[in-house]
Amino acid sequence: MTNKDYMKQAPAQTQSRQPGMEQQMHPEPVQPFDYQGAQKLKDKVAIITGGDSGIGRAVAMAFACEGADITLNYLPEEQQEAEKVAAFAKEQGRDVLLLPADLTEPQQCKQLVEKTIAHFGQLNIVVNNAGIQFPVEEFTDITNDQWKRTFETNVDPMFYLTKAAVPHLQEGDTIISTTSINAYKGHAILIDYTATKGAIVGFTRSLAQSLAPKGIRVNMVAPGPIWTPLIPATFDEQQVKEFGQDAPLGRPGQPEELVGAYVLLASSEGSYMTGQCIHVNGGAIMHS
């Protein structure tokens, strides 16, 4: 990819419901339409959750360009968005299985894996990416129901889907989960969301140790301020305008700027990486 004139600051805008719609954003997120693949994932099969928009969409597009077939999971109301992703992947000569499902239900996670195996005959990569967030200014205003819902959406499906997938994975296969910069620096108005992302960190590091003897690698990506539909769907207009402005690079990131991390972790180029986190955050946090 070449350097681009990425958006420096988002215009004020909001959307009424999560996870939001890319076509209602202005400008729309930059997706990897011009990604040049090198068959790093040739004939691999990946399940990607939350794959209809934002980061999940970008990962699905890049994986297809790298030669992977894909099972795309999303909410039923996001069917139109998912079909756009599938159309792009098919233009790359890849097969896509569209499977809307409620992943808070363990049985639906199991069926997602079973249908993938039935359709493709194998499973090599699991990308746990779906998530929600609910900004709340005062900690004591976080309701018990919201706390429960955030964990049921961001953490439980990762466990259910990964548990269903592991028996089908072989040496060299991979599990990648999307955590967040907030798991490492905190966020005053996203306490429940941040707690779920911290849980993903602990889960990933522990599972990596558990599956290492089988040669199955488990890693994560921690995005920083990335311009996705979740931003206008959850923040107010002023927060949207300020989004990403405090990163050293001075702007929000774009979904296409994350995909290299996922491709690395999914491919043989990341064969000595497990239990690790790749930070893509415009310098918002830096680790030695």
C-alpha atoms as a PDB file:
ATOM      1  CA  MET A   1       0.000   0.000   0.000  1.00  0.00           C
ATOM      2  CA  THR A   2       1.138   3.504  -0.709  1.00  0.00           C
ATOM      3  CA  ASN A   3       0.921   6.418   1.680  1.00  0.00           C
ATOM      4  CA  LYS A   4      -2.432   8.154   1.458  1.00  0.00           C
ATOM      5  CA  ASP A   5      -3.882  11.457   2.501  1.00  0.00           C
ATOM      6  CA  TYR A   6      -5.894  10.002   5.365  1.00  0.00           C
ATOM      7  CA  MET A   7      -8.554  12.004   7.167  1.00  0.00           C
ATOM      8  CA  LYS A   8      -6.978  14.218   9.829  1.00  0.00           C
ATOM      9  CA  GLN A   9     -10.136  14.923  11.829  1.00  0.00           C
ATOM     10  CA  ALA A  10     -13.627  13.477  11.677  1.00  0.00           C
ATOM     11  CA  PRO A  11     -16.544  15.850  11.082  1.00  0.00           C
ATOM     12  CA  ALA A  12     -19.192  15.947  13.818  1.00  0.00           C
ATOM     13  CA  GLN A  13     -21.719  13.160  13.267  1.00  0.00           C
ATOM     14  CA  THR A  14     -23.653  10.460  15.067  1.00  0.00           C
ATOM     15  CA  GLN A  15     -25.598   7.319  14.254  1.00  0.00           C
ATOM     16  CA  SER A  16     -28.558   5.969  16.169  1.00  0.00           C
ATOM     17  CA  ARG A  17     -27.593   2.330  16.706  1.00  0.00           C
ATOM     18  CA  GLN A  18     -24.666  -0.056  17.009  1.00  0.00           C
ATOM     19  CA  PRO A  19     -22.631  -1.317  15.265  1.00  0.00           C
ATOM     20  CA  GLY A  20     -23.313   1.527  12.821  1.00  0.00           C
ATOM     21  CA  MET A  21     -23.205   1.648   9.033  1.00  0.00           C
ATOM     22  CA  GLU A  22     -20.195   2.580   6.933  1.00  0.00           C
ATOM     23  CA  GLN A  23     -22.281   4.163   4.170  1.00  0.00           C
ATOM     24  CA  GLN A  24     -23.754   6.601   6.699  1.00  0.00           C
ATOM     25  CA  MET A  25     -20.306   7.853   7.746  1.00  0.00           C
ATOM     26  CA  HIS A  26     -18.676  10.906   6.215  1.00  0.00           C
ATOM     27  CA  PRO A  27     -16.095  10.235   5.140  1.00  0.00           C
ATOM     28  CA  GLU A  28     -16.459   6.468   4.951  1.00  0.00           C
ATOM     29  CA  PRO A  29     -13.655   4.385   6.483  1.00  0.00           C
ATOM     30  CA  VAL A  30     -10.766   3.561   4.172  1.00  0.00           C
ATOM     31  CA  GLN A  31     -10.931  -0.140   3.383  1.00  0.00           C
ATOM     32  CA  PRO A  32      -8.187  -2.142   1.619  1.00  0.00           C
ATOM     33  CA  PHE A  33      -9.693  -2.145  -1.878  1.00  0.00           C
ATOM     34  CA  ASP A  34      -6.223  -1.789  -3.418  1.00  0.00           C
ATOM     35  CA  TYR A  35      -4.517  -4.357  -1.165  1.00  0.00           C
ATOM     36  CA  GLN A  36      -1.919  -6.344  -3.089  1.00  0.00           C
ATOM     37  CA  GLY A  37      -1.821  -9.878  -1.751  1.00  0.00           C
ATOM     38  CA  ALA A  38       1.000 -12.388  -2.044  1.00  0.00           C
ATOM     39  CA  GLN A  39      -0.933 -15.624  -1.369  1.00  0.00           C
ATOM     40  CA  LYS A  40       0.294 -15.718   2.229  1.00  0.00           C
ATOM     41  CA  LEU A  41      -2.940 -17.469   3.240  1.00  0.00           C
ATOM     42  CA  LYS A  42      -3.425 -19.549   0.099  1.00  0.00           C
ATOM     43  CA  ASP A  43      -6.324 -21.993   0.495  1.00  0.00           C
ATOM     44  CA  LYS A  44      -6.631 -21.372   4.231  1.00  0.00           C
ATOM     45  CA  VAL A  45     -10.116 -21.063   5.734  1.00  0.00           C
ATOM     46  CA  ALA A  46     -10.921 -18.312   8.233  1.00  0.00           C
ATOM     47  CA  ILE A  47     -13.907 -17.517  10.434  1.00  0.00           C
ATOM     48  CA  ILE A  48     -14.192 -13.779  11.057  1.00  0.00           C
ATOM     49  CA  THR A  49     -16.774 -12.392  13.482  1.00  0.00           C
ATOM     50  CA  GLY A  50     -18.093  -8.878  13.120  1.00  0.00           C
ATOM     51  CA  GLY A  51     -16.940  -9.127   9.531  1.00  0.00           C
ATOM     52  CA  ASP A  52     -19.461  -6.900   7.788  1.00  0.00           C
ATOM     53  CA  SER A  53     -17.884  -3.516   8.565  1.00  0.00           C
ATOM     54  CA  GLY A  54     -14.981  -1.713  10.176  1.00  0.00           C
ATOM     55  CA  ILE A  55     -11.999  -3.788  11.249  1.00  0.00           C
ATOM     56  CA  GLY A  56     -13.645  -7.136  10.535  1.00  0.00           C
ATOM     57  CA  ARG A  57     -14.484  -6.092   6.986  1.00  0.00           C
ATOM     58  CA  ALA A  58     -10.921  -4.932   6.386  1.00  0.00           C
ATOM     59  CA  VAL A  59      -9.491  -8.202   7.688  1.00  0.00           C
ATOM     60  CA  ALA A  60     -11.852 -10.250   5.526  1.00  0.00           C
ATOM     61  CA  MET A  61     -10.897  -8.261   2.432  1.00  0.00           C
ATOM     62  CA  ALA A  62      -7.166  -8.618   3.093  1.00  0.00           C
ATOM     63  CA  PHE A  63      -7.457 -12.331   3.855  1.00  0.00           C
ATOM     64  CA  ALA A  64      -9.301 -12.863   0.567  1.00  0.00           C
ATOM     65  CA  CYS A  65      -6.567 -10.986  -1.285  1.00  0.00           C
ATOM     66  CA  GLU A  66      -4.052 -13.287   0.404  1.00  0.00           C
ATOM     67  CA  GLY A  67      -5.867 -16.382  -0.868  1.00  0.00           C
ATOM     68  CA  ALA A  68      -8.113 -17.378   2.041  1.00  0.00           C
ATOM     69  CA  ASP A  69     -11.700 -18.575   1.909  1.00  0.00           C
ATOM     70  CA  ILE A  70     -13.893 -17.023   4.571  1.00  0.00           C
ATOM     71  CA  THR A  71     -16.855 -17.658   6.811  1.00  0.00           C
ATOM     72  CA  LEU A  72     -18.219 -14.224   7.613  1.00  0.00           C
ATOM     73  CA  ASN A  73     -20.281 -13.764  10.767  1.00  0.00           C
ATOM     74  CA  TYR A  74     -22.403 -10.685  11.438  1.00  0.00           C
ATOM     75  CA  LEU A  75     -25.760  -9.576  12.801  1.00  0.00           C
ATOM     76  CA  PRO A  76     -28.779 -10.452  10.625  1.00  0.00           C
ATOM     77  CA  GLU A  77     -29.609  -6.774  10.104  1.00  0.00           C
ATOM     78  CA  GLU A  78     -26.152  -6.267   8.543  1.00  0.00           C
ATOM     79  CA  GLN A  79     -26.842  -8.619   5.627  1.00  0.00           C
ATOM     80  CA  GLN A  80     -26.434  -5.950   2.948  1.00  0.00           C
ATOM     81  CA  GLU A  81     -23.049  -4.904   4.299  1.00  0.00           C
ATOM     82  CA  ALA A  82     -21.908  -8.523   4.536  1.00  0.00           C
ATOM     83  CA  GLU A  83     -22.871  -9.159   0.924  1.00  0.00           C
ATOM     84  CA  LYS A  84     -20.579  -6.319  -0.172  1.00  0.00           C
ATOM     85  CA  VAL A  85     -17.669  -7.981   1.604  1.00  0.00           C
ATOM     86  CA  ALA A  86     -18.539 -11.305   0.005  1.00  0.00           C
ATOM     87  CA  ALA A  87     -18.700  -9.712  -3.442  1.00  0.00           C
ATOM     88  CA  PHE A  88     -15.203  -8.273  -3.016  1.00  0.00           C
ATOM     89  CA  ALA A  89     -13.810 -11.622  -1.860  1.00  0.00           C
ATOM     90  CA  LYS A  90     -15.383 -13.414  -4.798  1.00  0.00           C
ATOM     91  CA  GLU A  91     -13.758 -10.903  -7.144  1.00  0.00           C
ATOM     92  CA  GLN A  92     -10.470 -12.192  -5.729  1.00  0.00           C
ATOM     93  CA  GLY A  93     -11.501 -15.724  -6.652  1.00  0.00           C
ATOM     94  CA  ARG A  94     -12.316 -16.797  -3.110  1.00  0.00           C
ATOM     95  CA  ASP A  95     -15.328 -18.530  -1.612  1.00  0.00           C
ATOM     96  CA  VAL A  96     -17.340 -16.850   1.156  1.00  0.00           C
ATOM     97  CA  LEU A  97     -19.888 -18.416   3.486  1.00  0.00           C
ATOM     98  CA  LEU A  98     -22.243 -15.816   4.963  1.00  0.00           C
ATOM     99  CA  LEU A  99     -23.535 -16.913   8.363  1.00  0.00           C
ATOM    100  CA  PRO A 100     -25.444 -14.389  10.471  1.00  0.00           C
ATOM    101  CA  ALA A 101     -25.679 -15.572  14.062  1.00  0.00           C
ATOM    102  CA  ASP A 102     -26.106 -14.463  17.661  1.00  0.00           C
ATOM    103  CA  LEU A 103     -22.778 -15.489  19.134  1.00  0.00           C
ATOM    104  CA  THR A 104     -23.943 -14.918  22.687  1.00  0.00           C
ATOM    105  CA  GLU A 105     -25.584 -18.337  22.242  1.00  0.00           C
ATOM    106  CA  PRO A 106     -23.063 -21.198  22.611  1.00  0.00           C
ATOM    107  CA  GLN A 107     -24.993 -23.443  20.237  1.00  0.00           C
ATOM    108  CA  GLN A 108     -24.848 -20.855  17.461  1.00  0.00           C
ATOM    109  CA  CYS A 109     -21.077 -20.622  17.878  1.00  0.00           C
ATOM    110  CA  LYS A 110     -20.846 -24.383  17.582  1.00  0.00           C
ATOM    111  CA  GLN A 111     -23.024 -24.332  14.467  1.00  0.00           C
ATOM    112  CA  LEU A 112     -20.848 -21.608  12.950  1.00  0.00           C
ATOM    113  CA  VAL A 113     -17.854 -23.923  13.179  1.00  0.00           C
ATOM    114  CA  GLU A 114     -19.779 -27.005  12.051  1.00  0.00           C
ATOM    115  CA  LYS A 115     -21.177 -25.241   8.979  1.00  0.00           C
ATOM    116  CA  THR A 116     -17.714 -23.964   8.115  1.00  0.00           C
ATOM    117  CA  ILE A 117     -16.258 -27.469   8.267  1.00  0.00           C
ATOM    118  CA  ALA A 118     -19.172 -28.869   6.262  1.00  0.00           C
ATOM    119  CA  HIS A 119     -18.760 -26.233   3.551  1.00  0.00           C
ATOM    120  CA  PHE A 120     -14.978 -25.929   3.286  1.00  0.00           C
ATOM    121  CA  GLY A 121     -13.749 -29.182   4.812  1.00  0.00           C
ATOM    122  CA  GLN A 122     -11.302 -27.424   7.127  1.00  0.00           C
ATOM    123  CA  LEU A 123     -10.724 -24.481   9.464  1.00  0.00           C
ATOM    124  CA  ASN A 124      -7.363 -22.779   9.924  1.00  0.00           C
ATOM    125  CA  ILE A 125      -7.899 -19.267  11.283  1.00  0.00           C
ATOM    126  CA  VAL A 126     -10.342 -17.870  13.847  1.00  0.00           C
ATOM    127  CA  VAL A 127     -10.654 -14.092  14.190  1.00  0.00           C
ATOM    128  CA  ASN A 128     -12.667 -13.050  17.257  1.00  0.00           C
ATOM    129  CA  ASN A 129     -13.535  -9.476  16.386  1.00  0.00           C
ATOM    130  CA  ALA A 130     -17.176  -8.662  17.203  1.00  0.00           C
ATOM    131  CA  GLY A 131     -17.816  -6.201  20.030  1.00  0.00           C
ATOM    132  CA  ILE A 132     -19.931  -3.385  21.449  1.00  0.00           C
ATOM    133  CA  GLN A 133     -19.340  -0.392  23.700  1.00  0.00           C
ATOM    134  CA  PHE A 134     -21.488   2.015  25.707  1.00  0.00           C
ATOM    135  CA  PRO A 135     -19.768   5.217  26.864  1.00  0.00           C
ATOM    136  CA  VAL A 136     -20.949   6.329  30.313  1.00  0.00           C
ATOM    137  CA  GLU A 137     -19.599   9.481  31.953  1.00  0.00           C
ATOM    138  CA  GLU A 138     -20.142   8.401  35.583  1.00  0.00           C
ATOM    139  CA  PHE A 139     -19.041   4.977  36.784  1.00  0.00           C
ATOM    140  CA  THR A 140     -22.049   4.641  39.085  1.00  0.00           C
ATOM    141  CA  ASP A 141     -24.364   5.112  36.093  1.00  0.00           C
ATOM    142  CA  ILE A 142     -23.224   1.853  34.509  1.00  0.00           C
ATOM    143  CA  THR A 143     -26.196  -0.434  35.007  1.00  0.00           C
ATOM    144  CA  ASN A 144     -25.860  -4.069  35.958  1.00  0.00           C
ATOM    145  CA  ASP A 145     -27.624  -4.972  32.720  1.00  0.00           C
ATOM    146  CA  GLN A 146     -25.155  -2.966  30.638  1.00  0.00           C
ATOM    147  CA  TRP A 147     -22.181  -4.554  32.409  1.00  0.00           C
ATOM    148  CA  LYS A 148     -23.611  -8.003  31.787  1.00  0.00           C
ATOM    149  CA  ARG A 149     -24.470  -7.283  28.153  1.00  0.00           C
ATOM    150  CA  THR A 150     -21.001  -5.945  27.377  1.00  0.00           C
ATOM    151  CA  PHE A 151     -19.322  -9.061  28.765  1.00  0.00           C
ATOM    152  CA  GLU A 152     -21.865 -11.360  27.127  1.00  0.00           C
ATOM    153  CA  THR A 153     -21.107  -9.764  23.755  1.00  0.00           C
ATOM    154  CA  ASN A 154     -17.368  -9.081  23.926  1.00  0.00           C
ATOM    155  CA  VAL A 155     -16.045 -11.995  25.990  1.00  0.00           C
ATOM    156  CA  ASP A 156     -18.438 -14.947  26.072  1.00  0.00           C
ATOM    157  CA  PRO A 157     -18.582 -15.487  22.273  1.00  0.00           C
ATOM    158  CA  MET A 158     -14.785 -15.520  22.107  1.00  0.00           C
ATOM    159  CA  PHE A 159     -14.804 -18.429  24.560  1.00  0.00           C
ATOM    160  CA  TYR A 160     -17.719 -20.256  22.917  1.00  0.00           C
ATOM    161  CA  LEU A 161     -16.378 -19.940  19.371  1.00  0.00           C
ATOM    162  CA  THR A 162     -12.779 -20.722  20.236  1.00  0.00           C
ATOM    163  CA  LYS A 163     -13.823 -23.757  22.260  1.00  0.00           C
ATOM    164  CA  ALA A 164     -15.862 -25.035  19.321  1.00  0.00           C
ATOM    165  CA  ALA A 165     -13.033 -24.373  16.865  1.00  0.00           C
ATOM    166  CA  VAL A 166     -10.012 -25.803  18.685  1.00  0.00           C
ATOM    167  CA  PRO A 167     -10.813 -29.502  18.041  1.00  0.00           C
ATOM    168  CA  HIS A 168     -10.674 -28.756  14.305  1.00  0.00           C
ATOM    169  CA  LEU A 169      -7.407 -26.799  14.335  1.00  0.00           C
ATOM    170  CA  GLN A 170      -4.066 -28.350  13.436  1.00  0.00           C
ATOM    171  CA  GLU A 171      -0.428 -27.448  13.942  1.00  0.00           C
ATOM    172  CA  GLY A 172       0.243 -24.112  12.264  1.00  0.00           C
ATOM    173  CA  ASP A 173      -3.332 -22.875  12.601  1.00  0.00           C
ATOM    174  CA  THR A 174      -4.099 -19.657  14.422  1.00  0.00           C
ATOM    175  CA  ILE A 175      -6.522 -17.807  16.674  1.00  0.00           C
ATOM    176  CA  ILE A 176      -6.506 -13.999  16.627  1.00  0.00           C
ATOM    177  CA  SER A 177      -8.628 -11.798  18.876  1.00  0.00           C
ATOM    178  CA  THR A 178      -9.209  -8.071  18.683  1.00  0.00           C
ATOM    179  CA  THR A 179      -8.470  -6.420  22.010  1.00  0.00           C
ATOM    180  CA  SER A 180      -7.995  -2.644  22.362  1.00  0.00           C
ATOM    181  CA  ILE A 181      -5.575   0.080  23.303  1.00  0.00           C
ATOM    182  CA  ASN A 182      -7.912   0.642  26.253  1.00  0.00           C
ATOM    183  CA  ALA A 183      -6.892  -2.681  27.804  1.00  0.00           C
ATOM    184  CA  TYR A 184      -3.418  -1.185  28.234  1.00  0.00           C
ATOM    185  CA  LYS A 185      -4.160   2.442  29.131  1.00  0.00           C
ATOM    186  CA  GLY A 186      -7.747   2.417  30.441  1.00  0.00           C
ATOM    187  CA  HIS A 187     -10.651   4.653  29.447  1.00  0.00           C
ATOM    188  CA  ALA A 188     -12.632   6.707  31.954  1.00  0.00           C
ATOM    189  CA  ILE A 189     -15.978   6.469  30.144  1.00  0.00           C
ATOM    190  CA  LEU A 190     -15.612   2.941  28.730  1.00  0.00           C
ATOM    191  CA  ILE A 191     -14.988   1.011  31.930  1.00  0.00           C
ATOM    192  CA  ASP A 192     -17.048  -2.083  31.143  1.00  0.00           C
ATOM    193  CA  TYR A 193     -15.780  -2.226  27.557  1.00  0.00           C
ATOM    194  CA  THR A 194     -12.185  -1.802  28.723  1.00  0.00           C
ATOM    195  CA  ALA A 195     -12.626  -4.581  31.272  1.00  0.00           C
ATOM    196  CA  THR A 196     -13.755  -6.939  28.500  1.00  0.00           C
ATOM    197  CA  LYS A 197     -10.739  -6.047  26.410  1.00  0.00           C
ATOM    198  CA  GLY A 198      -8.502  -6.763  29.385  1.00  0.00           C
ATOM    199  CA  ALA A 199     -10.185 -10.145  29.685  1.00  0.00           C
ATOM    200  CA  ILE A 200      -9.261 -10.832  26.065  1.00  0.00           C
ATOM    201  CA  VAL A 201      -5.606 -10.149  26.899  1.00  0.00           C
ATOM    202  CA  GLY A 202      -5.615 -12.633  29.776  1.00  0.00           C
ATOM    203  CA  PHE A 203      -7.528 -15.216  27.751  1.00  0.00           C
ATOM    204  CA  THR A 204      -5.134 -14.942  24.816  1.00  0.00           C
ATOM    205  CA  ARG A 205      -1.952 -15.252  26.852  1.00  0.00           C
ATOM    206  CA  SER A 206      -3.280 -18.222  28.809  1.00  0.00           C
ATOM    207  CA  LEU A 207      -4.705 -20.044  25.793  1.00  0.00           C
ATOM    208  CA  ALA A 208      -1.441 -19.510  23.929  1.00  0.00           C
ATOM    209  CA  GLN A 209       0.349 -21.437  26.676  1.00  0.00           C
ATOM    210  CA  SER A 210      -2.293 -24.151  26.647  1.00  0.00           C
ATOM    211  CA  LEU A 211      -2.223 -24.724  22.880  1.00  0.00           C
ATOM    212  CA  ALA A 212       1.497 -24.233  22.257  1.00  0.00           C
ATOM    213  CA  PRO A 213       2.262 -27.977  22.549  1.00  0.00           C
ATOM    214  CA  LYS A 214      -0.174 -28.550  19.662  1.00  0.00           C
ATOM    215  CA  GLY A 215       1.498 -25.915  17.516  1.00  0.00           C
ATOM    216  CA  ILE A 216      -1.610 -23.720  17.464  1.00  0.00           C
ATOM    217  CA  ARG A 217      -0.728 -20.049  17.827  1.00  0.00           C
ATOM    218  CA  VAL A 218      -2.934 -17.586  19.737  1.00  0.00           C
ATOM    219  CA  ASN A 219      -2.384 -13.840  19.407  1.00  0.00           C
ATOM    220  CA  MET A 220      -4.192 -10.507  19.432  1.00  0.00           C
ATOM    221  CA  VAL A 221      -4.253  -7.076  17.870  1.00  0.00           C
ATOM    222  CA  ALA A 222      -4.877  -3.956  19.973  1.00  0.00           C
ATOM    223  CA  PRO A 223      -6.254  -1.210  17.727  1.00  0.00           C
ATOM    224  CA  GLY A 224      -6.021   2.375  18.831  1.00  0.00           C
ATOM    225  CA  PRO A 225      -8.420   5.066  17.603  1.00  0.00           C
ATOM    226  CA  ILE A 226      -9.657   3.511  14.356  1.00  0.00           C
ATOM    227  CA  TRP A 227     -12.356   5.175  12.232  1.00  0.00           C
ATOM    228  CA  THR A 228     -15.145   2.588  12.179  1.00  0.00           C
ATOM    229  CA  PRO A 229     -18.958   2.791  12.375  1.00  0.00           C
ATOM    230  CA  LEU A 230     -18.800   2.056  16.100  1.00  0.00           C
ATOM    231  CA  ILE A 231     -17.406   5.556  16.685  1.00  0.00           C
ATOM    232  CA  PRO A 232     -20.344   7.692  15.466  1.00  0.00           C
ATOM    233  CA  ALA A 233     -22.723   4.989  16.710  1.00  0.00           C
ATOM    234  CA  THR A 234     -21.529   5.317  20.323  1.00  0.00           C
ATOM    235  CA  PHE A 235     -19.960   8.759  20.834  1.00  0.00           C
ATOM    236  CA  ASP A 236     -21.545  12.212  20.705  1.00  0.00           C
ATOM    237  CA  GLU A 237     -20.661  14.763  18.026  1.00  0.00           C
ATOM    238  CA  GLN A 238     -17.911  16.469  20.018  1.00  0.00           C
ATOM    239  CA  GLN A 239     -16.294  13.168  20.962  1.00  0.00           C
ATOM    240  CA  VAL A 240     -16.340  12.142  17.299  1.00  0.00           C
ATOM    241  CA  LYS A 241     -14.598  15.385  16.302  1.00  0.00           C
ATOM    242  CA  GLU A 242     -11.916  14.804  18.942  1.00  0.00           C
ATOM    243  CA  PHE A 243     -11.483  11.120  18.105  1.00  0.00           C
ATOM    244  CA  GLY A 244      -7.853  10.251  17.455  1.00  0.00           C
ATOM    245  CA  GLN A 245      -6.591  13.805  17.914  1.00  0.00           C
ATOM    246  CA  ASP A 246      -4.484  12.905  20.948  1.00  0.00           C
ATOM    247  CA  ALA A 247      -2.506  10.201  19.127  1.00  0.00           C
ATOM    248  CA  PRO A 248       1.055  11.281  18.292  1.00  0.00           C
ATOM    249  CA  LEU A 249       0.279  10.853  14.587  1.00  0.00           C
ATOM    250  CA  GLY A 250      -2.520  13.363  15.119  1.00  0.00           C
ATOM    251  CA  ARG A 251      -5.380  11.537  13.432  1.00  0.00           C
ATOM    252  CA  PRO A 252      -7.612   8.470  13.628  1.00  0.00           C
ATOM    253  CA  GLY A 253      -6.373   5.316  11.976  1.00  0.00           C
ATOM    254  CA  GLN A 254      -8.205   3.616   9.131  1.00  0.00           C
ATOM    255  CA  PRO A 255      -9.284  -0.043   8.970  1.00  0.00           C
ATOM    256  CA  GLU A 256      -6.913  -0.782   6.103  1.00  0.00           C
ATOM    257  CA  GLU A 257      -3.984   0.291   8.292  1.00  0.00           C
ATOM    258  CA  LEU A 258      -4.613  -2.656  10.636  1.00  0.00           C
ATOM    259  CA  VAL A 259      -4.756  -5.516   8.194  1.00  0.00           C
ATOM    260  CA  GLY A 260      -1.020  -6.137   8.002  1.00  0.00           C
ATOM    261  CA  ALA A 261      -1.013  -7.115  11.670  1.00  0.00           C
ATOM    262  CA  TYR A 262      -3.756  -9.701  11.189  1.00  0.00           C
ATOM    263  CA  VAL A 263      -2.151 -11.112   8.045  1.00  0.00           C
ATOM    264  CA  LEU A 264       1.193 -11.460   9.827  1.00  0.00           C
ATOM    265  CA  LEU A 265      -0.350 -13.309  12.763  1.00  0.00           C
ATOM    266  CA  ALA A 266      -2.434 -15.559  10.503  1.00  0.00           C
ATOM    267  CA  SER A 267       0.377 -16.474   8.115  1.00  0.00           C
ATOM    268  CA  SER A 268       3.543 -18.534   8.346  1.00  0.00           C
ATOM    269  CA  GLU A 269       5.486 -15.275   8.595  1.00  0.00           C
ATOM    270  CA  GLY A 270       4.282 -15.111  12.204  1.00  0.00           C
ATOM    271  CA  SER A 271       5.179 -18.728  12.930  1.00  0.00           C
ATOM    272  CA  TYR A 272       7.257 -17.884  16.031  1.00  0.00           C
ATOM    273  CA  MET A 273       4.668 -15.545  17.541  1.00  0.00           C
ATOM    274  CA  THR A 274       2.198 -16.730  20.146  1.00  0.00           C
ATOM    275  CA  GLY A 275       0.697 -15.067  23.210  1.00  0.00           C
ATOM    276  CA  GLN A 276       1.607 -11.714  21.670  1.00  0.00           C
ATOM    277  CA  CYS A 277      -0.185  -8.451  20.989  1.00  0.00           C
ATOM    278  CA  ILE A 278       0.464  -6.148  18.046  1.00  0.00           C
ATOM    279  CA  HIS A 279      -0.358  -2.520  18.843  1.00  0.00           C
ATOM    280  CA  VAL A 280      -1.649  -0.399  15.956  1.00  0.00           C
ATOM    281  CA  ASN A 281      -2.468   2.928  17.579  1.00  0.00           C
ATOM    282  CA  GLY A 282      -0.664   5.834  15.943  1.00  0.00           C
ATOM    283  CA  GLY A 283       1.792   5.944  18.835  1.00  0.00           C
ATOM    284  CA  ALA A 284      -0.914   6.486  21.463  1.00  0.00           C
ATOM    285  CA  ILE A 285       0.904   4.023  23.706  1.00  0.00           C
ATOM    286  CA  MET A 286       4.458   2.789  23.301  1.00  0.00           C
ATOM    287  CA  HIS A 287       6.029  -0.279  24.880  1.00  0.00           C
ATOM    288  CA  SER A 288       9.681  -1.231  25.128  1.00  0.00           C
END
